[in-house]
C-alpha cells in the first residue's frame, strides 16, 4: 500500500488563517495499542487536513503541522502493519481543536468497525 502525504507539510496557519495546532495522543482497539495506521484531522470549513502516523499506539502530527483550530472530523484507520493493509474500515469522530496543543486518546471497540477482507475491501458479512 502506498500512502501519499502530499500537502501535509508545514505552516502555522491554514488557508483560512486559523492556527495549526500540534496534535497527539493514543489509539487503542479493544484496550490494546493499535500497532500502525493513520489518524486524519479534517477541518471541513477550511479543507485543512493533517495526517498523523500511528506507531505502537501513539500518534503525533508532523513537526510544523497540525489540525486547524475549530471543529474537525477525525478518521482513524488501523493497519495490519506499518505499510498496511488496513485492518478495519475508518472510525470517525468529531472533535473541537482549541488554540493550544491538542491531545486526545481514541479508545475504539472492534464492534464499531468493519474488518477488511484479503483484497482490501470491507468484508460484506462483517467478518
N, C-alpha and C. Protein backbone atom coordinates (compact mmCIF):
# COMPACT_ATOMS: atom_id res chain seq x y z
N UNK A 1 0.86 -1.17 0.00
CA UNK A 1 0.00 0.00 0.00
C UNK A 1 0.90 1.22 0.00
N UNK A 2 0.63 2.14 -0.88
CA UNK A 2 1.38 3.39 -0.96
C UNK A 2 0.52 4.50 -0.39
N UNK A 3 1.11 5.29 0.48
CA UNK A 3 0.39 6.41 1.09
C UNK A 3 1.09 7.69 0.66
N UNK A 4 0.36 8.55 -0.03
CA UNK A 4 0.89 9.83 -0.45
C UNK A 4 0.54 10.88 0.58
N UNK A 5 1.54 11.54 1.13
CA UNK A 5 1.31 12.53 2.17
C UNK A 5 1.51 13.95 1.64
N UNK A 6 1.31 14.14 0.37
CA UNK A 6 1.48 15.48 -0.21
C UNK A 6 0.51 16.45 0.42
N UNK A 7 0.97 17.66 0.63
CA UNK A 7 0.10 18.70 1.16
C UNK A 7 -0.05 18.67 2.66
N UNK A 8 0.68 17.81 3.34
CA UNK A 8 0.53 17.70 4.79
C UNK A 8 1.60 18.49 5.52
N UNK A 9 2.50 19.08 4.81
CA UNK A 9 3.62 19.73 5.47
C UNK A 9 3.34 21.13 5.94
N UNK A 10 4.26 21.62 6.66
CA UNK A 10 4.40 22.84 7.42
C UNK A 10 3.49 24.02 7.19
N UNK A 11 3.55 24.88 8.10
CA UNK A 11 2.73 26.07 8.12
C UNK A 11 2.11 26.20 9.48
N UNK A 12 2.03 27.44 9.97
CA UNK A 12 1.46 27.63 11.29
C UNK A 12 0.02 28.08 11.23
N UNK A 13 -0.50 28.31 10.00
CA UNK A 13 -1.92 28.62 9.85
C UNK A 13 -2.42 28.03 8.55
N UNK A 14 -3.74 27.76 8.49
CA UNK A 14 -4.31 27.21 7.27
C UNK A 14 -4.70 28.33 6.33
N UNK A 15 -5.26 27.97 5.17
CA UNK A 15 -5.58 28.99 4.18
C UNK A 15 -6.66 29.95 4.65
N UNK A 16 -7.41 29.59 5.70
CA UNK A 16 -8.41 30.48 6.27
C UNK A 16 -7.87 31.32 7.41
N UNK A 17 -6.56 31.21 7.69
CA UNK A 17 -5.95 31.99 8.75
C UNK A 17 -6.09 31.37 10.13
N UNK A 18 -6.66 30.17 10.23
CA UNK A 18 -6.79 29.51 11.52
C UNK A 18 -5.44 28.95 11.95
N UNK A 19 -5.19 28.96 13.23
CA UNK A 19 -3.95 28.39 13.77
C UNK A 19 -3.90 26.90 13.47
N UNK A 20 -2.70 26.39 13.17
CA UNK A 20 -2.46 24.95 13.01
C UNK A 20 -1.93 24.46 14.36
N UNK A 21 -2.67 23.58 15.00
CA UNK A 21 -2.39 23.16 16.37
C UNK A 21 -1.74 21.77 16.37
N UNK A 22 -0.57 21.61 17.01
CA UNK A 22 0.04 20.29 17.12
C UNK A 22 -0.92 19.31 17.80
N UNK A 23 -1.01 18.09 17.25
CA UNK A 23 -1.93 17.08 17.77
C UNK A 23 -1.15 15.82 18.15
N UNK A 24 -1.64 15.14 19.19
CA UNK A 24 -1.01 13.89 19.61
C UNK A 24 -1.98 13.12 20.49
N UNK A 25 -1.66 11.85 20.72
CA UNK A 25 -2.48 11.03 21.60
C UNK A 25 -2.22 9.55 21.37
N UNK A 26 -3.13 8.74 21.89
CA UNK A 26 -3.04 7.29 21.80
C UNK A 26 -4.24 6.76 21.03
N UNK A 27 -4.04 5.60 20.39
CA UNK A 27 -5.13 4.88 19.72
C UNK A 27 -5.11 3.45 20.22
N UNK A 28 -6.24 3.02 20.78
CA UNK A 28 -6.40 1.64 21.24
C UNK A 28 -7.62 1.02 20.57
N UNK A 29 -7.52 -0.26 20.27
CA UNK A 29 -8.66 -1.04 19.79
C UNK A 29 -8.83 -2.19 20.78
N UNK A 30 -10.01 -2.26 21.36
CA UNK A 30 -10.32 -3.27 22.39
C UNK A 30 -9.29 -3.25 23.52
N UNK A 31 -8.86 -2.05 23.90
CA UNK A 31 -7.94 -1.90 25.03
C UNK A 31 -6.48 -2.15 24.71
N UNK A 32 -6.17 -2.49 23.45
CA UNK A 32 -4.79 -2.76 23.05
C UNK A 32 -4.29 -1.66 22.12
N UNK A 33 -3.02 -1.24 22.25
CA UNK A 33 -2.50 -0.21 21.35
C UNK A 33 -2.58 -0.64 19.89
N UNK A 34 -3.02 0.26 19.03
CA UNK A 34 -3.02 -0.01 17.59
C UNK A 34 -1.57 -0.02 17.12
N UNK A 35 -1.16 -1.08 16.45
CA UNK A 35 0.24 -1.21 16.03
C UNK A 35 0.64 -0.17 15.00
N UNK A 36 -0.26 0.10 14.06
CA UNK A 36 0.06 1.01 12.96
C UNK A 36 -1.23 1.55 12.37
N UNK A 37 -1.09 2.60 11.56
CA UNK A 37 -2.23 3.20 10.89
C UNK A 37 -2.07 4.69 10.78
N UNK A 38 -3.18 5.38 10.59
CA UNK A 38 -3.15 6.84 10.49
C UNK A 38 -4.34 7.45 11.22
N UNK A 39 -4.13 8.65 11.72
CA UNK A 39 -5.20 9.48 12.28
C UNK A 39 -5.23 10.73 11.41
N UNK A 40 -6.36 10.99 10.79
CA UNK A 40 -6.51 12.15 9.90
C UNK A 40 -7.45 13.16 10.54
N UNK A 41 -7.00 14.40 10.63
CA UNK A 41 -7.84 15.51 11.10
C UNK A 41 -8.25 16.31 9.88
N UNK A 42 -9.56 16.48 9.67
CA UNK A 42 -10.08 17.25 8.54
C UNK A 42 -10.93 18.39 9.07
N UNK A 43 -10.57 19.60 8.71
CA UNK A 43 -11.35 20.79 9.08
C UNK A 43 -12.28 21.08 7.90
N UNK A 44 -13.58 20.71 8.00
CA UNK A 44 -14.48 20.82 6.85
C UNK A 44 -14.61 22.23 6.28
N UNK A 45 -14.56 23.23 7.13
CA UNK A 45 -14.75 24.60 6.68
C UNK A 45 -13.60 25.10 5.81
N UNK A 46 -12.36 24.81 6.23
CA UNK A 46 -11.19 25.32 5.51
C UNK A 46 -10.61 24.30 4.54
N UNK A 47 -10.94 23.02 4.75
CA UNK A 47 -10.34 21.96 3.94
C UNK A 47 -8.97 21.53 4.43
N UNK A 48 -8.47 22.14 5.52
CA UNK A 48 -7.18 21.75 6.07
C UNK A 48 -7.22 20.29 6.53
N UNK A 49 -6.21 19.54 6.15
CA UNK A 49 -6.09 18.14 6.55
C UNK A 49 -4.68 17.91 7.06
N UNK A 50 -4.57 17.15 8.15
CA UNK A 50 -3.26 16.71 8.61
C UNK A 50 -3.36 15.21 8.88
N UNK A 51 -2.34 14.47 8.45
CA UNK A 51 -2.30 13.02 8.64
C UNK A 51 -1.18 12.70 9.62
N UNK A 52 -1.54 11.97 10.67
CA UNK A 52 -0.60 11.57 11.72
C UNK A 52 -0.43 10.05 11.67
N UNK A 53 0.80 9.59 11.63
CA UNK A 53 1.07 8.16 11.65
C UNK A 53 0.85 7.59 13.06
N UNK A 54 0.26 6.39 13.13
CA UNK A 54 0.15 5.66 14.39
C UNK A 54 1.35 4.72 14.47
N UNK A 55 2.07 4.77 15.57
CA UNK A 55 3.21 3.90 15.80
C UNK A 55 3.12 3.35 17.21
N UNK A 56 2.88 2.06 17.33
CA UNK A 56 2.74 1.39 18.63
C UNK A 56 1.74 2.10 19.54
N UNK A 57 0.61 2.50 18.97
CA UNK A 57 -0.47 3.07 19.76
C UNK A 57 -0.42 4.57 19.94
N UNK A 58 0.63 5.23 19.46
CA UNK A 58 0.76 6.68 19.62
C UNK A 58 0.70 7.37 18.25
N UNK A 59 0.12 8.57 18.22
CA UNK A 59 0.14 9.39 17.01
C UNK A 59 0.58 10.80 17.38
N UNK A 60 1.17 11.49 16.40
CA UNK A 60 1.61 12.86 16.61
C UNK A 60 1.67 13.54 15.24
N UNK A 61 1.21 14.78 15.17
CA UNK A 61 1.27 15.50 13.89
C UNK A 61 2.72 15.77 13.52
N UNK A 62 3.00 15.82 12.21
CA UNK A 62 4.37 16.13 11.78
C UNK A 62 4.81 17.49 12.31
N UNK A 63 6.10 17.64 12.54
CA UNK A 63 6.66 18.89 13.05
C UNK A 63 6.26 20.05 12.14
N UNK A 64 5.80 21.14 12.74
CA UNK A 64 5.41 22.32 11.98
C UNK A 64 4.03 22.23 11.38
N UNK A 65 3.31 21.17 11.66
CA UNK A 65 1.97 20.98 11.10
C UNK A 65 1.02 20.64 12.23
N UNK A 66 -0.26 20.63 11.93
CA UNK A 66 -1.25 20.28 12.93
C UNK A 66 -2.64 20.51 12.40
N UNK A 67 -3.61 20.21 13.22
CA UNK A 67 -5.02 20.39 12.86
C UNK A 67 -5.38 21.87 12.94
N UNK A 68 -6.31 22.30 12.09
CA UNK A 68 -6.80 23.67 12.17
C UNK A 68 -7.65 23.81 13.42
N UNK A 69 -7.54 24.95 14.09
CA UNK A 69 -8.37 25.17 15.27
C UNK A 69 -9.83 25.21 14.85
N UNK A 70 -10.70 24.73 15.75
CA UNK A 70 -12.13 24.67 15.47
C UNK A 70 -12.60 23.23 15.35
N UNK A 71 -13.80 23.05 14.78
CA UNK A 71 -14.37 21.71 14.61
C UNK A 71 -13.60 20.93 13.56
N UNK A 72 -13.25 19.69 13.88
CA UNK A 72 -12.56 18.79 12.96
C UNK A 72 -13.25 17.44 12.96
N UNK A 73 -13.21 16.78 11.82
CA UNK A 73 -13.62 15.38 11.72
C UNK A 73 -12.33 14.56 11.80
N UNK A 74 -12.31 13.58 12.69
CA UNK A 74 -11.15 12.70 12.84
C UNK A 74 -11.50 11.34 12.25
N UNK A 75 -10.63 10.83 11.40
CA UNK A 75 -10.76 9.48 10.85
C UNK A 75 -9.57 8.68 11.34
N UNK A 76 -9.83 7.54 11.97
CA UNK A 76 -8.77 6.67 12.45
C UNK A 76 -8.81 5.40 11.62
N UNK A 77 -7.68 5.07 11.00
CA UNK A 77 -7.56 3.86 10.20
C UNK A 77 -6.47 2.99 10.82
N UNK A 78 -6.84 1.80 11.26
CA UNK A 78 -5.90 0.86 11.89
C UNK A 78 -5.42 -0.12 10.82
N UNK A 79 -4.09 -0.30 10.75
CA UNK A 79 -3.49 -1.16 9.74
C UNK A 79 -2.96 -2.44 10.37
N UNK A 80 -2.72 -3.44 9.50
CA UNK A 80 -2.12 -4.71 9.93
C UNK A 80 -0.66 -4.50 10.34
N UNK A 81 0.03 -3.59 9.67
CA UNK A 81 1.44 -3.31 9.94
C UNK A 81 1.79 -1.93 9.42
N UNK A 82 3.06 -1.51 9.52
CA UNK A 82 3.46 -0.16 9.15
C UNK A 82 3.13 0.23 7.70
N UNK A 83 3.10 -0.71 6.79
CA UNK A 83 2.80 -0.42 5.39
C UNK A 83 1.37 -0.82 5.01
N UNK A 84 0.57 -1.20 5.98
CA UNK A 84 -0.79 -1.65 5.69
C UNK A 84 -0.79 -3.15 5.50
N UNK A 85 -1.81 -3.74 5.02
CA UNK A 85 -3.06 -3.14 4.56
C UNK A 85 -3.95 -2.75 5.74
N UNK A 86 -5.02 -2.01 5.45
CA UNK A 86 -5.95 -1.66 6.52
C UNK A 86 -6.53 -2.92 7.17
N UNK A 87 -6.69 -2.87 8.46
CA UNK A 87 -7.30 -3.98 9.19
C UNK A 87 -8.81 -3.78 9.30
N UNK A 88 -9.23 -2.52 9.45
CA UNK A 88 -10.64 -2.18 9.62
C UNK A 88 -10.98 -0.96 8.77
N UNK A 89 -12.27 -0.76 8.55
CA UNK A 89 -12.74 0.48 7.94
C UNK A 89 -12.42 1.64 8.88
N UNK A 90 -12.41 2.84 8.35
CA UNK A 90 -12.07 4.02 9.16
C UNK A 90 -13.15 4.28 10.21
N UNK A 91 -12.69 4.68 11.39
CA UNK A 91 -13.56 5.07 12.51
C UNK A 91 -13.61 6.59 12.52
N UNK A 92 -14.77 7.17 12.79
CA UNK A 92 -14.96 8.61 12.65
C UNK A 92 -15.47 9.23 13.94
N UNK A 93 -14.96 10.43 14.25
CA UNK A 93 -15.41 11.18 15.42
C UNK A 93 -15.21 12.67 15.14
N UNK A 94 -16.09 13.50 15.68
CA UNK A 94 -15.91 14.94 15.59
C UNK A 94 -15.28 15.45 16.88
N UNK A 95 -14.30 16.36 16.74
CA UNK A 95 -13.61 16.93 17.90
C UNK A 95 -13.51 18.44 17.73
N UNK A 96 -13.33 19.12 18.84
CA UNK A 96 -13.11 20.57 18.86
C UNK A 96 -11.65 20.81 19.21
N UNK A 97 -10.88 21.36 18.27
CA UNK A 97 -9.47 21.66 18.50
C UNK A 97 -9.37 23.12 18.95
N UNK A 98 -8.77 23.33 20.11
CA UNK A 98 -8.64 24.67 20.68
C UNK A 98 -7.44 25.42 20.12
N UNK A 99 -6.93 26.35 20.89
CA UNK A 99 -5.83 27.20 20.45
C UNK A 99 -4.48 26.78 21.02
N UNK A 100 -4.44 25.67 21.75
CA UNK A 100 -3.19 25.16 22.31
C UNK A 100 -3.03 23.70 21.88
N UNK A 101 -1.88 23.11 22.17
CA UNK A 101 -1.64 21.72 21.79
C UNK A 101 -2.86 20.86 22.08
N UNK A 102 -3.23 20.02 21.11
CA UNK A 102 -4.42 19.17 21.23
C UNK A 102 -3.96 17.74 21.48
N UNK A 103 -4.38 17.18 22.61
CA UNK A 103 -4.09 15.78 22.93
C UNK A 103 -5.41 15.07 23.18
N UNK A 104 -5.63 13.99 22.45
CA UNK A 104 -6.83 13.19 22.68
C UNK A 104 -6.52 11.74 22.39
N UNK A 105 -6.96 10.87 23.30
CA UNK A 105 -6.81 9.44 23.12
C UNK A 105 -8.10 8.89 22.54
N UNK A 106 -7.97 7.96 21.60
CA UNK A 106 -9.11 7.34 20.96
C UNK A 106 -9.14 5.87 21.34
N UNK A 107 -10.16 5.48 22.09
CA UNK A 107 -10.35 4.10 22.51
C UNK A 107 -11.54 3.55 21.73
N UNK A 108 -11.25 2.61 20.85
CA UNK A 108 -12.23 2.11 19.89
C UNK A 108 -12.53 0.65 20.18
N UNK A 109 -13.79 0.28 20.06
CA UNK A 109 -14.18 -1.12 20.16
C UNK A 109 -14.24 -1.71 18.75
N UNK A 110 -13.70 -2.90 18.56
CA UNK A 110 -13.74 -3.52 17.24
C UNK A 110 -15.18 -3.73 16.76
N UNK A 111 -16.13 -3.74 17.69
CA UNK A 111 -17.54 -3.89 17.29
C UNK A 111 -18.04 -2.65 16.54
N UNK A 112 -17.30 -1.52 16.64
CA UNK A 112 -17.66 -0.29 15.93
C UNK A 112 -17.06 -0.26 14.52
N UNK A 113 -16.27 -1.25 14.16
CA UNK A 113 -15.53 -1.26 12.91
C UNK A 113 -15.93 -2.44 12.05
N UNK A 114 -15.73 -2.29 10.73
CA UNK A 114 -15.91 -3.42 9.83
C UNK A 114 -14.53 -3.84 9.35
N UNK A 115 -14.21 -5.13 9.46
CA UNK A 115 -12.89 -5.58 9.01
C UNK A 115 -12.80 -5.60 7.49
N UNK A 116 -11.56 -5.47 6.99
CA UNK A 116 -11.29 -5.62 5.57
C UNK A 116 -11.03 -7.08 5.27
N UNK A 117 -11.39 -7.52 4.04
CA UNK A 117 -11.06 -8.88 3.63
C UNK A 117 -9.67 -8.87 3.00
N UNK A 118 -9.22 -10.02 2.51
CA UNK A 118 -7.86 -10.14 1.98
C UNK A 118 -7.61 -9.24 0.78
N UNK A 119 -8.65 -8.84 0.06
CA UNK A 119 -8.48 -7.98 -1.12
C UNK A 119 -8.41 -6.51 -0.75
N UNK A 120 -8.57 -6.17 0.54
CA UNK A 120 -8.51 -4.79 0.96
C UNK A 120 -9.85 -4.08 0.92
N UNK A 121 -10.93 -4.85 0.78
CA UNK A 121 -12.28 -4.26 0.79
C UNK A 121 -12.96 -4.63 2.09
N UNK A 122 -13.93 -3.82 2.48
CA UNK A 122 -14.71 -4.13 3.67
C UNK A 122 -15.45 -5.44 3.43
N UNK A 123 -15.28 -6.39 4.36
CA UNK A 123 -15.94 -7.69 4.23
C UNK A 123 -17.45 -7.50 4.29
N UNK A 124 -18.16 -8.15 3.37
CA UNK A 124 -19.61 -7.96 3.28
C UNK A 124 -20.35 -8.48 4.50
N UNK A 125 -19.87 -9.55 5.09
CA UNK A 125 -20.56 -10.11 6.25
C UNK A 125 -20.04 -9.56 7.57
N UNK A 126 -19.08 -8.62 7.48
CA UNK A 126 -18.54 -8.01 8.69
C UNK A 126 -17.55 -8.89 9.42
N UNK A 127 -17.19 -10.03 8.84
CA UNK A 127 -16.23 -10.94 9.47
C UNK A 127 -14.92 -10.91 8.74
